[in-house]
Amino acid sequence: KLKLWDVVIIHFMDWEVPGPGPAARENLKRFVSAGKGMALTHFACGAWDNNEWPEFRTLAGRAWDPKLRGHDPHGTFRVDIADPDHPITRGMQPFETLDELYTCLAGDAPIHVVAKATSKVDKLDYPIAFVLNYGQGRVFHCVLGHDARAYVSPGVGELLRRGIAWTAGVSPLPTPAK
């Protein structure tokens, strides 16, 4: 049924159950590479570990790496706009959220970071939201969303709304009223 949609949103991890099998993985890969969109939130970066589906790291742009430090302690942090000219983040201001600042992403796919945050632990910048092309498709990956409190910040909702619109090929900015 993927062909009915313009974007697939993934918020799945494979700790308790194995990921969807080879046919589902191939369908998802084909869906995105043919020109559709995929948006990943929070621990979707751990949806398929590298042994189960190595291509996931390329499709997602970055994936959870258990060898890296997972995240800063849960708490409030500022999300900065890394690319104020990108259609997703154009006109957005920095915002605060209550969440986990992920420091555990690894991968070699070329990504374009649109939002970032600075770790209070190691003082390094980490991508919070980034985009990439996969074949003819678009991928938006945002690691925010640990729990309901993470979505309270209007900035988080706006970033996700805009990112998902962008993956669907729809203008992320509201159309001016006539």
Protein backbone atom coordinates (compact mmCIF):
# COMPACT_ATOMS: atom_id res chain seq x y z
CA LYS A 1 0.00 0.00 0.00
CA LEU A 2 3.00 2.33 0.03
CA LYS A 3 2.10 3.59 -3.43
CA LEU A 4 -0.94 5.31 -1.89
CA TRP A 5 1.26 7.70 0.09
CA ASP A 6 3.76 10.47 -0.60
CA VAL A 7 5.66 10.11 2.68
CA VAL A 8 6.33 7.32 5.15
CA ILE A 9 6.93 8.43 8.74
CA ILE A 10 9.04 6.04 10.80
CA HIS A 11 9.18 6.03 14.60
CA PHE A 12 10.19 2.42 15.14
CA MET A 13 13.02 0.62 16.87
CA ASP A 14 13.93 -3.04 16.89
CA TRP A 15 14.79 -3.81 20.51
CA GLU A 16 11.77 -5.91 21.39
CA VAL A 17 10.92 -7.36 17.99
CA PRO A 18 12.84 -7.89 14.78
CA GLY A 19 12.39 -5.29 12.08
CA PRO A 20 10.11 -5.92 9.13
CA GLY A 21 11.64 -8.57 6.86
CA PRO A 22 13.43 -8.42 3.53
CA ALA A 23 10.31 -7.78 1.41
CA ALA A 24 9.28 -4.78 3.54
CA ARG A 25 12.82 -3.41 3.51
CA GLU A 26 13.00 -3.69 -0.28
CA ASN A 27 9.59 -2.03 -0.66
CA LEU A 28 10.66 0.89 1.54
CA LYS A 29 13.94 1.29 -0.34
CA ARG A 30 12.14 1.17 -3.70
CA PHE A 31 9.45 3.62 -2.48
CA VAL A 32 11.98 6.28 -1.48
CA SER A 33 14.41 5.80 -4.35
CA ALA A 34 11.52 6.12 -6.86
CA GLY A 35 10.80 9.65 -5.67
CA LYS A 36 8.68 9.46 -2.53
CA GLY A 37 9.55 10.75 0.93
CA MET A 38 10.61 9.28 4.24
CA ALA A 39 10.66 11.06 7.59
CA LEU A 40 12.31 9.56 10.66
CA THR A 41 11.79 10.72 14.23
CA HIS A 42 13.67 10.05 17.44
CA PHE A 43 14.77 6.44 17.80
CA ALA A 44 13.83 5.55 14.25
CA CYS A 45 17.60 5.95 13.82
CA GLY A 46 17.74 2.53 15.51
CA ALA A 47 14.98 0.94 13.44
CA TRP A 48 17.28 -1.61 11.86
CA ASP A 49 20.67 -2.32 13.27
CA ASN A 50 23.55 -2.53 10.84
CA ASN A 51 23.70 -6.32 10.93
CA GLU A 52 20.01 -6.76 10.11
CA TRP A 53 19.92 -4.23 7.24
CA PRO A 54 23.20 -2.41 6.50
CA GLU A 55 21.57 -0.25 3.78
CA PHE A 56 19.42 1.42 6.42
CA ARG A 57 22.34 3.61 7.49
CA THR A 58 22.54 5.02 3.96
CA LEU A 59 18.76 5.35 3.56
CA ALA A 60 18.41 7.14 6.91
CA GLY A 61 21.55 9.22 6.43
CA ARG A 62 22.74 8.31 9.90
CA ALA A 63 21.87 5.46 12.26
CA TRP A 64 22.22 4.68 15.94
CA ASP A 65 25.63 3.28 16.76
CA PRO A 66 25.73 1.49 20.14
CA LYS A 67 29.50 2.03 20.31
CA LEU A 68 28.96 5.79 20.66
CA ARG A 69 27.70 7.70 23.69
CA GLY A 70 23.92 7.57 23.37
CA HIS A 71 22.77 11.03 24.40
CA ASP A 72 23.12 13.79 26.95
CA PRO A 73 21.04 13.37 30.10
CA HIS A 74 17.37 14.05 29.41
CA GLY A 75 16.78 17.77 29.84
CA THR A 76 16.19 21.12 28.25
CA PHE A 77 18.46 22.27 25.44
CA ARG A 78 18.45 24.79 22.64
CA VAL A 79 18.02 23.77 19.02
CA ASP A 80 19.78 26.13 16.61
CA ILE A 81 18.96 26.56 12.94
CA ALA A 82 22.02 25.32 11.04
CA ASP A 83 20.79 26.42 7.59
CA PRO A 84 18.47 29.44 7.72
CA ASP A 85 18.09 29.36 3.93
CA HIS A 86 16.81 25.79 3.58
CA PRO A 87 13.08 25.54 2.73
CA ILE A 88 12.46 23.60 5.95
CA THR A 89 14.09 26.11 8.29
CA ARG A 90 13.67 29.40 6.40
CA GLY A 91 12.39 31.98 8.89
CA MET A 92 12.58 29.64 11.89
CA GLN A 93 14.15 30.86 15.11
CA PRO A 94 16.13 28.79 17.61
CA PHE A 95 13.93 27.06 20.17
CA GLU A 96 14.20 25.06 23.37
CA THR A 97 12.92 21.57 23.94
CA LEU A 98 12.89 18.99 26.73
CA ASP A 99 14.35 15.87 25.15
CA GLU A 100 17.45 13.73 24.66
CA LEU A 101 20.25 15.33 22.65
CA TYR A 102 21.45 12.38 20.58
CA THR A 103 25.19 11.96 20.19
CA CYS A 104 25.04 8.42 18.81
CA LEU A 105 24.57 8.78 15.06
CA ALA A 106 27.03 7.31 12.57
CA GLY A 107 27.16 6.98 8.81
CA ASP A 108 28.84 8.17 5.64
CA ALA A 109 25.91 9.24 3.46
CA PRO A 110 26.07 12.88 2.43
CA ILE A 111 23.62 14.76 4.65
CA HIS A 112 22.65 18.41 4.91
CA VAL A 113 22.14 19.53 8.52
CA VAL A 114 19.26 21.99 8.95
CA ALA A 115 19.11 22.08 12.78
CA LYS A 116 21.71 21.30 15.43
CA ALA A 117 22.33 21.48 19.17
CA THR A 118 25.38 21.79 21.37
CA SER A 119 25.95 19.07 23.94
CA LYS A 120 26.23 20.22 27.55
CA VAL A 121 28.44 17.18 28.19
CA ASP A 122 31.16 17.44 25.53
CA LYS A 123 30.39 20.94 24.10
CA LEU A 124 30.24 19.55 20.53
CA ASP A 125 27.52 20.28 17.98
CA TYR A 126 25.28 17.39 16.90
CA PRO A 127 22.70 17.22 14.10
CA ILE A 128 19.14 17.41 15.34
CA ALA A 129 17.53 17.45 11.89
CA PHE A 130 19.04 16.79 8.48
CA VAL A 131 18.01 15.95 4.96
CA LEU A 132 19.34 13.88 2.11
CA ASN A 133 18.33 12.53 -1.24
CA TYR A 134 18.03 8.79 -1.74
CA GLY A 135 17.69 8.04 -5.42
CA GLN A 136 14.90 10.34 -6.57
CA GLY A 137 13.40 10.55 -3.07
CA ARG A 138 13.79 12.89 -0.14
CA VAL A 139 14.59 11.95 3.45
CA PHE A 140 14.04 14.14 6.52
CA HIS A 141 15.57 12.79 9.73
CA CYS A 142 14.86 14.51 13.08
CA VAL A 143 16.04 12.87 16.29
CA LEU A 144 13.67 14.82 18.56
CA GLY A 145 10.68 13.11 20.16
CA HIS A 146 11.63 11.08 23.25
CA ASP A 147 8.19 11.48 24.83
CA ALA A 148 5.10 13.72 24.78
CA ARG A 149 6.97 16.47 26.66
CA ALA A 150 9.41 16.75 23.74
CA TYR A 151 6.58 17.88 21.48
CA VAL A 152 5.38 20.72 23.75
CA SER A 153 7.77 23.22 22.16
CA PRO A 154 6.09 24.85 19.15
CA GLY A 155 9.50 24.78 17.44
CA VAL A 156 9.55 20.99 17.46
CA GLY A 157 6.12 20.73 15.86
CA GLU A 158 6.99 23.34 13.27
CA LEU A 159 10.28 21.63 12.39
CA LEU A 160 8.52 18.27 11.97
CA ARG A 161 5.62 19.74 9.97
CA ARG A 162 7.97 21.53 7.62
CA GLY A 163 10.31 18.55 7.26
CA ILE A 164 7.48 16.17 6.39
CA ALA A 165 6.01 18.64 3.90
CA TRP A 166 9.43 18.99 2.27
CA THR A 167 9.79 15.20 1.90
CA ALA A 168 6.40 15.15 0.14
CA GLY A 169 7.55 17.84 -2.28
CA VAL A 170 5.12 20.37 -0.78
CA SER A 171 6.27 23.86 0.17
CA PRO A 172 7.01 23.81 3.90
CA LEU A 173 6.07 27.48 4.21
CA PRO A 174 2.44 28.54 4.49
CA THR A 175 0.93 29.96 1.33
CA PRO A 176 0.30 33.70 1.77
CA ALA A 177 -3.38 34.61 2.02
CA LYS A 178 -4.89 36.32 -1.04
